[in-house]
Protein backbone atom coordinates (compact mmCIF):
# COMPACT_ATOMS: atom_id res chain seq x y z
CA MET A 1 -0.41 -0.07 -0.15
CA GLU A 2 0.94 3.55 -1.10
CA ARG A 3 2.88 4.99 1.85
CA ARG A 4 0.97 8.30 1.81
CA LEU A 5 -2.34 6.59 2.03
CA VAL A 6 -0.86 4.11 4.79
CA THR A 7 0.39 7.31 6.73
CA PHE A 8 -3.37 8.80 5.79
CA ILE A 9 -5.09 6.06 7.59
CA ILE A 10 -2.94 6.09 10.61
CA ILE A 11 -3.39 9.79 11.19
CA THR A 12 -7.19 9.06 10.54
CA LEU A 13 -7.35 6.79 13.00
CA LEU A 14 -5.47 8.88 15.67
CA PHE A 15 -7.87 11.36 15.20
CA PHE A 16 -10.99 8.99 15.95
CA ILE A 17 -9.33 7.50 19.17
CA PHE A 18 -8.51 10.51 20.52
CA TYR A 19 -12.12 12.12 19.82
CA ALA A 20 -13.69 9.16 21.03
CA HIS A 21 -12.02 9.39 24.27
CA LEU A 22 -11.86 13.50 24.68
CA THR A 23 -14.63 13.39 26.98
CA ARG A 24 -12.91 11.29 29.32
CA LYS A 25 -9.82 12.82 28.98
CA TYR A 26 -11.14 16.86 29.44
CA LEU A 27 -13.99 16.04 32.23
CA PRO A 28 -12.72 18.01 35.57
CA GLN A 29 -10.53 15.81 37.46
CA THR A 30 -9.82 15.80 41.82
CA PRO A 31 -7.78 18.66 41.97
CA PRO A 32 -5.03 18.82 44.60
CA PRO A 33 -5.30 19.24 47.99
CA PRO A 34 -6.38 23.09 48.53
CA PRO A 35 -4.19 24.41 51.70
CA SER A 36 -4.39 23.46 55.07
CA GLY A 37 -8.12 24.87 56.81
CA GLU A 38 -9.73 25.50 53.67
CA VAL A 39 -11.24 22.01 53.60
CA LYS A 40 -11.26 18.91 55.89
CA GLU A 41 -11.41 15.73 54.46
CA GLU A 42 -13.67 12.91 55.69
CA GLU A 43 -14.09 9.72 55.86
CA SER A 44 -16.59 7.93 53.60
CA SER A 45 -20.04 9.15 54.61
CA LYS A 46 -22.95 6.66 55.59
CA GLU A 47 -25.79 9.17 55.85
CA GLU A 48 -28.67 8.28 54.07
CA ILE A 49 -32.14 10.28 52.83
CA ILE A 50 -34.82 7.91 54.38
CA PRO A 51 -38.14 8.62 53.41
CA LEU A 52 -40.60 7.99 55.78
CA GLU A 53 -43.30 5.70 55.02
CA GLU A 54 -46.45 7.97 55.90
CA GLU A 55 -45.53 11.49 54.32
CA GLN A 56 -47.71 14.38 53.24
CA LEU A 57 -46.66 15.89 50.14
CA GLU A 58 -48.07 19.02 48.00
CA GLU A 59 -47.27 20.56 45.00
CA VAL A 60 -47.55 24.12 44.42
CA SER A 61 -46.47 25.80 41.16
CA THR A 62 -45.21 29.42 40.32
CA GLU A 63 -43.78 30.68 36.97
CA LYS A 64 -40.71 28.28 36.10
CA PHE A 65 -41.35 25.58 38.05
CA VAL A 66 -43.97 22.99 39.74
CA ILE A 67 -42.74 22.17 43.36
CA THR A 68 -43.21 19.20 45.39
CA PHE A 69 -43.00 20.07 49.02
CA SER A 70 -43.24 17.72 52.29
CA LEU A 71 -45.04 19.46 54.85
CA THR A 72 -43.58 16.58 56.68
CA GLY A 73 -40.53 17.71 57.51
CA GLY A 74 -41.34 21.25 55.99
CA TYR A 75 -38.94 21.14 53.09
CA ILE A 76 -38.88 20.57 49.38
CA LYS A 77 -39.43 17.18 48.11
CA LYS A 78 -38.58 17.71 44.24
CA ILE A 79 -38.53 20.64 42.05
CA PHE A 80 -40.39 19.93 38.10
CA ILE A 81 -39.14 22.74 35.71
CA LYS A 82 -41.35 24.41 33.46
CA LYS A 83 -39.82 24.57 30.16
CA TYR A 84 -38.25 21.63 29.31
CA GLN A 85 -40.96 19.09 31.52
CA GLU A 86 -37.80 17.48 33.55
CA GLU A 87 -38.22 17.00 36.99
CA LEU A 88 -34.57 18.08 38.65
CA LEU A 89 -32.51 16.02 40.66
CA PHE A 90 -31.31 18.22 43.06
CA LYS A 91 -34.00 17.65 46.24
CA ASP A 92 -34.60 17.78 49.91
CA ILE A 93 -33.72 21.65 49.78
CA GLY A 94 -34.40 22.74 53.50
CA LEU A 95 -34.71 19.30 55.38
CA VAL A 96 -33.94 19.29 58.69
CA PHE A 97 -33.16 16.29 60.12
CA THR A 98 -34.29 18.02 63.68
CA HIS A 99 -37.51 18.50 61.76
CA ARG A 100 -37.91 14.81 60.48
CA THR A 101 -41.28 14.34 61.63
CA LEU A 102 -42.53 17.83 62.97
CA PRO A 103 -45.72 19.12 60.84
CA PHE A 104 -45.75 22.14 58.62
CA GLN A 105 -48.61 23.72 57.65
CA LEU A 106 -47.99 25.58 53.88
CA THR A 107 -49.34 29.05 52.63
CA GLN A 108 -48.21 30.68 49.26
CA GLU A 109 -48.38 33.91 48.17
CA LYS A 110 -47.33 34.40 44.34
CA GLU A 111 -43.84 33.39 44.67
CA LYS A 112 -43.42 33.05 48.07
CA ILE A 113 -44.14 29.54 50.29
CA THR A 114 -44.06 29.77 53.40
CA LEU A 115 -44.18 26.50 55.57
CA PHE A 116 -45.00 26.93 59.87
CA ASN A 117 -44.59 24.67 62.73
CA ARG A 118 -46.92 26.10 65.36
CA GLU A 119 -45.10 23.55 68.15
CA LYS A 120 -41.40 24.89 67.83
CA ASN A 121 -42.17 27.95 66.18
CA ILE A 122 -39.94 27.57 63.38
CA LYS A 123 -40.27 29.35 60.07
CA LYS A 124 -39.61 28.47 56.46
CA GLU A 125 -39.46 30.73 53.13
CA PHE A 126 -38.82 29.84 50.09
CA LEU A 127 -38.51 33.20 47.53
CA PHE A 128 -38.94 31.93 43.54
CA LYS A 129 -37.96 35.11 41.47
CA GLY A 130 -37.66 33.32 37.97
CA TYR A 131 -34.63 30.95 38.22
CA THR A 132 -33.64 32.24 41.71
CA LEU A 133 -33.96 30.72 45.05
CA THR A 134 -34.18 32.90 48.40
CA LEU A 135 -34.54 30.72 51.21
CA LYS A 136 -35.06 31.46 55.02
CA VAL A 137 -35.62 30.10 58.16
CA GLU A 138 -36.15 31.56 61.03
CA GLY A 139 -36.58 30.09 64.77
CA GLU A 140 -34.12 26.91 64.84
CA LYS A 141 -32.87 27.63 68.82
CA GLU A 142 -30.78 24.58 68.53
CA ARG A 143 -28.04 24.43 66.79
CA SER A 144 -28.84 22.07 63.52
CA GLU A 145 -27.59 21.28 59.97
CA LEU A 146 -30.21 22.46 57.23
CA VAL A 147 -29.75 20.18 53.62
CA LEU A 148 -28.66 22.59 50.58
CA PHE A 149 -29.35 19.56 48.69
CA TYR A 150 -28.83 15.37 48.13
CA ASN A 151 -28.15 14.44 44.75
CA PRO A 152 -28.20 11.06 43.90
CA LEU A 153 -26.44 9.79 40.86
CA ASN A 154 -27.73 9.32 37.32
CA ILE A 155 -28.78 5.66 36.13
CA ASN A 156 -27.91 7.06 32.33
CA ARG A 157 -23.75 6.58 32.37
CA LEU A 158 -23.48 9.43 29.88
CA GLU A 159 -25.23 11.63 32.28
CA GLN A 160 -23.03 10.91 35.37
CA ARG A 161 -20.01 11.59 33.01
CA TYR A 162 -21.74 15.53 33.76
CA GLN A 163 -22.61 15.58 37.11
CA GLU A 164 -19.92 17.30 39.43
CA PHE A 165 -19.76 18.97 42.59
CA PHE A 166 -17.97 22.89 42.39
CA TYR A 167 -16.99 25.43 44.89
CA GLN A 168 -14.83 29.15 45.02
CA ASN A 169 -12.20 28.84 46.57
CA THR A 170 -10.26 31.52 48.84
CA SER A 171 -8.34 32.21 45.74
CA SER A 172 -11.59 32.43 43.76
CA THR A 173 -10.78 30.04 41.91
CA LEU A 174 -13.82 27.28 40.86
CA LYS A 175 -13.13 23.68 41.75
CA ARG A 176 -15.03 21.00 40.09
CA PHE A 177 -15.36 17.24 41.31
CA PRO A 178 -16.90 14.40 39.54
CA GLN A 179 -19.77 13.17 41.89
CA LYS A 180 -18.43 9.59 41.61
CA ARG A 181 -15.32 11.18 43.13
CA VAL A 182 -16.62 13.63 45.95
CA PRO A 183 -15.04 12.91 49.17
CA SER A 184 -16.48 13.60 52.13
CA LYS A 185 -14.70 16.84 53.19
CA THR A 186 -16.26 20.24 55.38
CA LEU A 187 -15.28 23.43 53.08
CA THR A 188 -15.85 27.30 53.97
CA SER A 189 -16.94 28.95 50.48
CA SER A 190 -19.32 31.80 49.53
CA LEU A 191 -20.47 29.99 45.79
CA PHE A 192 -20.72 26.21 45.39
CA GLY A 193 -23.00 23.75 44.07
CA ILE A 194 -24.04 21.12 41.44
CA ARG A 195 -24.90 20.87 37.89
CA ASP A 196 -25.58 18.05 35.93
CA ARG A 197 -25.43 17.60 31.83
CA TYR A 198 -28.34 20.44 31.68
CA PHE A 199 -29.00 22.21 34.88
CA CYS A 200 -26.93 23.62 38.05
CA LEU A 201 -28.09 24.76 41.70
CA VAL A 202 -26.14 27.18 42.91
CA TYR A 203 -25.42 29.01 46.38
CA PHE A 204 -24.26 32.04 45.86
CA SER A 205 -25.13 34.58 48.74
CA GLY A 206 -22.41 34.40 51.87
CA LYS A 207 -19.51 32.43 53.03
CA HIS A 208 -21.04 29.76 54.47
CA SER A 209 -18.99 26.16 56.69
CA LEU A 210 -20.51 22.88 54.58
CA ARG A 211 -20.60 19.74 55.29
CA ILE A 212 -20.18 17.18 51.66
CA SER A 213 -21.05 12.90 51.94
CA ARG A 214 -20.01 11.38 49.54
CA LEU A 215 -22.98 8.38 50.23
CA LYS A 216 -22.67 5.30 49.58
CA ASP A 217 -24.93 4.75 46.19
CA ASN A 218 -22.45 8.08 45.05
CA SER A 219 -25.21 10.43 45.94
CA LEU A 220 -23.91 13.90 47.39
CA LEU A 221 -25.38 15.15 50.49
CA CYS A 222 -24.71 19.14 50.94
CA LYS A 223 -25.58 20.28 54.17
CA VAL A 224 -25.07 23.76 56.52
CA SER A 225 -24.39 24.50 60.20
CA ILE A 226 -27.52 27.09 61.24
CA LYS A 227 -28.96 28.40 64.36
CA ASN A 228 -31.55 31.42 65.07
CA SER A 229 -32.23 33.06 61.69
CA PHE A 230 -30.70 31.87 58.88
CA SER A 231 -30.74 33.61 54.21
CA LEU A 232 -28.99 32.49 51.41
CA GLN A 233 -29.88 32.44 47.96
CA ALA A 234 -29.33 29.72 45.07
CA PHE A 235 -30.09 29.69 41.37
CA ILE A 236 -32.00 26.61 39.77
CA GLY A 237 -32.12 26.59 36.60
CA PRO A 238 -30.51 25.67 33.47
CA GLN A 239 -26.96 25.92 32.92
CA HIS A 240 -27.87 28.59 30.03
CA LEU A 241 -25.23 31.40 29.12
CA GLU A 242 -27.35 34.57 28.92
CA GLU A 243 -29.57 33.64 32.55
CA LEU A 244 -26.27 32.24 34.22
CA ASP A 245 -24.55 35.37 33.44
CA LYS A 246 -27.21 37.99 34.92
CA TYR A 247 -25.63 36.79 38.31
CA HIS A 248 -22.28 36.14 37.04
CA LEU A 249 -22.67 33.03 37.51
CA GLU A 250 -21.06 32.23 33.63
CA GLU A 251 -18.26 30.76 34.86
CA ILE A 252 -19.81 27.61 35.75
CA VAL A 253 -20.30 26.51 32.25
CA ASN A 254 -17.27 24.66 31.06
CA TYR A 255 -16.94 23.30 27.21
CA GLY A 256 -13.32 21.60 28.12
CA PHE A 257 -10.49 21.77 26.94
CA PHE A 258 -11.44 24.09 23.75
CA HIS A 259 -14.04 26.57 26.07
CA PRO A 260 -13.67 29.75 24.63
CA ILE A 261 -14.12 28.69 21.30
CA GLY A 262 -17.23 26.46 22.91
CA LYS A 263 -18.60 30.06 23.80
CA VAL A 264 -18.10 31.74 20.52
CA LEU A 265 -20.39 28.54 18.94
CA VAL A 266 -22.45 28.53 21.27
CA LYS A 267 -23.66 32.30 20.61
CA LEU A 268 -23.29 32.02 16.65
CA LEU A 269 -25.93 29.47 17.28
CA SER A 270 -28.51 31.56 19.55
CA LEU A 271 -28.00 34.01 16.71
CA PHE A 272 -29.36 31.66 13.93
CA ALA A 273 -31.70 30.34 16.23
CA LEU A 274 -32.87 33.87 16.93
CA TRP A 275 -33.23 35.04 13.42
CA THR A 276 -34.50 30.99 11.89
CA LYS A 277 -36.34 29.91 14.98
CA ASN A 278 -35.34 26.47 14.43
CA TRP A 279 -32.38 24.79 16.09
CA GLY A 280 -31.59 22.07 13.41
CA ILE A 281 -31.50 25.13 10.63
CA SER A 282 -28.99 27.47 12.96
CA ILE A 283 -26.68 23.88 13.04
CA ILE A 284 -26.74 23.92 9.25
CA LEU A 285 -26.04 27.86 8.87
CA LEU A 286 -22.77 27.48 11.45
CA SER A 287 -21.71 24.69 9.61
CA ALA A 288 -22.05 26.68 6.45
CA ILE A 289 -20.37 28.97 8.07
CA ILE A 290 -17.37 26.86 9.76
CA TYR A 291 -17.13 25.47 6.42
CA LEU A 292 -16.25 28.95 4.60
CA VAL A 293 -13.92 29.61 6.99
CA LEU A 294 -11.84 26.62 6.70
CA PHE A 295 -12.65 26.59 2.83
CA PRO A 296 -8.95 27.77 2.53
CA PHE A 297 -7.58 25.08 4.39
CA THR A 298 -9.52 22.39 2.02
CA PHE A 299 -8.71 24.56 -0.98
CA ARG A 300 -5.04 23.52 -0.14
CA SER A 301 -5.66 20.15 1.15
CA THR A 302 -7.42 19.53 -2.56
CA GLN A 303 -3.87 20.71 -4.32
CA ALA A 304 -1.53 19.03 -2.17
CA MET A 305 -3.80 15.51 -3.35
CA ARG A 306 -4.13 16.68 -7.21
CA LYS A 307 -0.35 16.95 -7.19
CA MET A 308 0.15 13.79 -5.24
CA GLN A 309 -1.93 12.02 -7.72
CA ALA A 310 -0.06 13.94 -10.90
CA LEU A 311 3.51 12.42 -9.44
CA GLN A 312 1.83 9.08 -8.80
CA PRO A 313 3.84 7.77 -12.35
CA LYS A 314 7.21 9.39 -11.31
CA ILE A 315 6.39 7.68 -8.16
CA GLU A 316 6.19 4.49 -9.41
CA GLU A 317 9.15 4.90 -11.64
CA LEU A 318 11.29 4.95 -8.84
CA LYS A 319 9.89 1.83 -6.83
CA ASN A 320 10.46 -0.16 -9.76
CA LYS A 321 14.15 1.56 -10.83
CA TYR A 322 15.24 1.08 -6.46
CA LYS A 323 12.52 -1.97 -5.21
CA ASP A 324 15.54 -3.66 -3.84
CA ASN A 325 16.90 0.10 -1.97
CA PRO A 326 14.23 0.75 0.67
CA GLN A 327 16.78 3.63 1.74
CA LYS A 328 17.44 4.68 -1.57
CA LEU A 329 13.82 5.07 -2.47
CA ASN A 330 12.59 6.99 0.31
CA LYS A 331 15.50 9.50 -0.17
CA GLU A 332 14.32 10.15 -4.01
CA ILE A 333 10.60 10.41 -3.02
CA LEU A 334 11.45 13.26 -0.73
CA GLU A 335 13.83 14.91 -3.24
CA LEU A 336 10.64 14.24 -5.68
CA TYR A 337 8.44 16.41 -3.45
CA ARG A 338 11.49 18.73 -2.79
CA ALA A 339 11.60 19.80 -6.55
CA TYR A 340 7.25 19.63 -7.09
CA LYS A 341 6.84 20.70 -3.22
CA VAL A 342 4.40 19.14 -2.51
CA ASN A 343 3.91 18.00 1.19
CA PRO A 344 2.63 15.03 1.05
CA LEU A 345 0.63 15.47 4.60
CA GLY A 346 -0.89 17.86 3.08
CA GLY A 347 -4.27 16.23 2.32
CA CYS A 348 -4.77 16.19 5.99
CA LEU A 349 -4.62 20.12 6.90
CA PRO A 350 -8.60 20.29 6.98
CA ILE A 351 -8.58 17.28 10.10
CA PHE A 352 -5.92 18.98 12.35
CA PHE A 353 -7.78 22.43 11.30
CA GLN A 354 -11.20 21.32 12.24
CA LEU A 355 -9.89 19.03 15.70
CA PRO A 356 -10.28 22.26 18.18
CA VAL A 357 -13.82 22.84 16.66
CA PHE A 358 -15.13 19.99 16.13
CA ILE A 359 -13.90 19.03 19.96
CA ALA A 360 -15.52 22.49 21.12
CA LEU A 361 -18.69 21.76 19.15
CA TYR A 362 -18.97 17.98 20.56
CA GLN A 363 -19.12 19.71 24.19
CA VAL A 364 -21.54 22.81 22.79
CA LEU A 365 -24.09 20.35 21.52
CA LEU A 366 -24.12 17.71 23.73
CA ARG A 367 -24.47 20.75 26.55
CA VAL A 368 -27.09 23.11 24.61
CA VAL A 369 -29.91 23.19 27.61
CA GLU A 370 -32.65 24.19 24.21
CA LEU A 371 -31.06 21.42 22.05
CA LYS A 372 -33.67 19.69 24.75
CA GLY A 373 -36.94 18.21 23.15
CA ALA A 374 -36.08 20.68 19.91
CA LYS A 375 -37.36 19.25 16.70
CA PHE A 376 -35.77 19.30 13.10
CA LEU A 377 -37.91 17.91 10.31
CA TRP A 378 -38.63 13.75 11.44
CA ILE A 379 -35.99 14.25 14.67
CA LYS A 380 -37.94 14.44 18.01
CA ASP A 381 -34.96 15.54 20.31
CA LEU A 382 -32.23 16.94 18.20
CA SER A 383 -29.96 16.33 22.09
CA LEU A 384 -30.81 12.51 20.71
CA PRO A 385 -30.15 10.08 17.78
CA ASP A 386 -32.89 11.09 15.24
CA ARG A 387 -34.11 7.56 15.39
CA ILE A 388 -36.41 7.48 12.17
CA LEU A 389 -37.92 4.02 12.39
CA SER A 390 -37.92 1.70 16.47
CA LEU A 391 -37.59 -1.97 15.54
CA PRO A 392 -38.89 -4.29 17.29
CA PHE A 393 -35.96 -6.08 18.03
CA SER A 394 -32.01 -5.49 18.79
CA LEU A 395 -28.98 -4.94 16.18
CA PRO A 396 -25.36 -5.43 16.90
CA PHE A 397 -23.86 -1.73 17.11
CA LEU A 398 -27.24 -0.44 16.18
CA GLY A 399 -29.45 -1.09 18.72
CA LYS A 400 -33.54 -0.48 18.56
CA TYR A 401 -33.50 2.22 16.39
CA ILE A 402 -33.01 2.67 12.43
CA ASN A 403 -30.51 6.15 12.37
CA LEU A 404 -30.54 8.04 9.12
CA LEU A 405 -28.34 10.81 9.04
CA PRO A 406 -25.57 8.17 9.93
CA ILE A 407 -26.78 6.09 7.01
CA LEU A 408 -26.57 9.11 5.20
CA ILE A 409 -23.04 9.78 5.79
CA VAL A 410 -22.25 6.74 5.28
CA VAL A 411 -23.39 7.36 1.92
CA ILE A 412 -21.75 10.22 1.18
CA GLY A 413 -19.01 9.27 2.13
CA ILE A 414 -18.91 6.29 -0.58
CA LEU A 415 -19.64 8.95 -3.40
CA GLN A 416 -16.92 11.59 -2.48
CA GLN A 417 -14.00 8.69 -2.29
CA LYS A 418 -16.05 7.66 -6.00
CA ILE A 419 -15.58 11.31 -6.93
CA THR A 420 -11.30 11.78 -5.88
CA SER A 421 -10.31 8.28 -6.83
CA GLN A 422 -11.79 8.85 -10.56
CA ASP A 423 -8.46 9.60 -11.99
CA SER A 424 -6.44 7.74 -9.57
CA LEU A 425 -3.64 4.96 -10.87
CA GLN A 426 -4.68 3.04 -7.53
CA ALA A 427 -8.48 3.44 -7.46
CA LYS A 428 -9.04 -0.21 -6.55
CA GLN A 429 -7.24 0.10 -3.33
CA GLN A 430 -8.58 3.85 -2.45
CA LYS A 431 -11.89 2.33 -3.20
CA SER A 432 -11.69 -0.01 -0.77
CA VAL A 433 -9.98 1.94 2.30
CA GLY A 434 -13.08 5.14 1.16
CA LEU A 435 -15.57 2.44 1.87
CA PHE A 436 -14.00 0.53 5.41
CA PHE A 437 -14.13 4.70 6.33
CA ALA A 438 -17.18 5.75 5.07
CA VAL A 439 -18.73 2.91 7.00
CA PHE A 440 -16.49 3.17 10.36
CA ILE A 441 -17.26 6.78 10.46
CA GLY A 442 -21.29 5.55 10.34
CA ILE A 443 -20.51 3.39 13.00
CA ILE A 444 -18.96 6.18 15.18
CA PHE A 445 -21.42 8.62 14.64
CA TYR A 446 -24.85 5.99 14.69
CA ASN A 447 -25.72 6.41 18.53
CA PHE A 448 -24.76 10.37 18.16
CA PRO A 449 -26.68 13.33 19.19
CA SER A 450 -28.22 14.33 15.99
CA ALA A 451 -27.62 17.98 16.36
CA LEU A 452 -23.55 16.95 16.19
CA VAL A 453 -24.44 13.84 13.55
CA LEU A 454 -26.62 16.77 11.22
CA TYR A 455 -23.38 19.33 11.89
CA TRP A 456 -21.04 16.41 10.43
CA LEU A 457 -23.60 15.42 7.33
CA MET A 458 -23.35 19.06 6.18
CA GLN A 459 -19.78 19.27 6.53
CA ASN A 460 -19.45 16.44 4.39
CA LEU A 461 -22.05 17.64 1.69
CA PHE A 462 -20.37 20.83 1.21
CA THR A 463 -16.89 18.68 0.50
CA LEU A 464 -18.92 16.87 -1.90
CA PHE A 465 -20.09 19.12 -3.75
CA TYR A 466 -16.74 21.25 -4.08
CA GLN A 467 -15.28 18.03 -5.11
CA TRP A 468 -18.21 17.31 -7.33
CA ARG A 469 -17.15 21.07 -9.21
CA ILE A 470 -13.91 20.65 -9.68
CA SER A 471 -13.99 16.91 -10.79
CA PRO A 472 -14.86 17.41 -14.50
CA LYS A 473 -11.33 19.50 -14.68
CA GLU A 474 -9.67 17.12 -13.27
CA THR A 475 -10.51 14.81 -15.78
CA SER A 476 -10.78 16.81 -18.81
């Protein structure tokens, strides 16, 4: 097999291996131990949130949420966010364990919900304003611990990868811990919280001494010590940059190693969505913009490949002439490249320049909450595979759904290699390799979110059109 082709295969395989592991590689890692006094490590906690067999619950509705309160203990049992039609993982907000069996009366005045226990004269006030919550506790005479959140680990492994606890240390640096690695600890912070793939709960008012406990099922329990009156403020809602920016919390969102590129892509997507009112069309427009920006590299790559094809007869002559002397053959081929100013790796340029954009876009399209439930053509949810057809059985690698977009990527890949190999001297070799990569890429993309696959499909369509436009010139 031709050396240039072998080099291209190796580079492409390395690209996809790196790509397959990029999410795990760039997930936040457990930071080194902080300065003495800031955090105190504890043994793994055996605490558990044990539900009562008979617990009186009551639902109330605010502008953004449907909230289920437990009147037995007086706390938020669970929160349902209306816009995204999803129950959040953040639970048991406002629970005091010593109040676990106390009865509370609930009153609601617009966005303010008050729970009151007459026996101990304890009042808890939950004031919602948009996506913010102000929590106030009054009348607690004994030193007690108030639960700020209980966060179970999502059963979905993809979702687990985005669950993390974070806090701001004394140097104002935001430290992040994947939830499955959070050690039980005590710490003091003025900004802390928990997040998952789309939503977050962030406390951001006043400095508080916290006790973090990772339970044996990897759920997370965060408590704060209280006495007499206590108050703090939190953001509960989507990880939307514009929403978080209102409270200077945009640092919570992190798109990985290429975060700055990710922020630009999010702003472009949001701008296009504002114009088109459709996220699928916005992704197509973004794909077109990225293709145009990177087109000079695509053009140079095409020119390099055409020069390489033109040199194939001379390279074959050298191979026949020096077939018994590999060292001399390599030297003569390099001299040939220098003489005709050909870079044998020039055809791989677009891959290297698209890689940072693609990695950033991978994180963005997995994390932009607006894509959740967004429809486009037959696609019911751009945050999921397109699932055009459901099967009564499961197929190897494919599962129980037929996803059309990855299949189209395979078809376009086959057409691309057919067009580009028309006047190649090693057409049969290139066709077999092209077929392999077309299928290989389709399998990799098969269960990816349809938003990401749609982007890659459009990139391939633009490239196919360009190759088709220039192919007559090559054969004339």
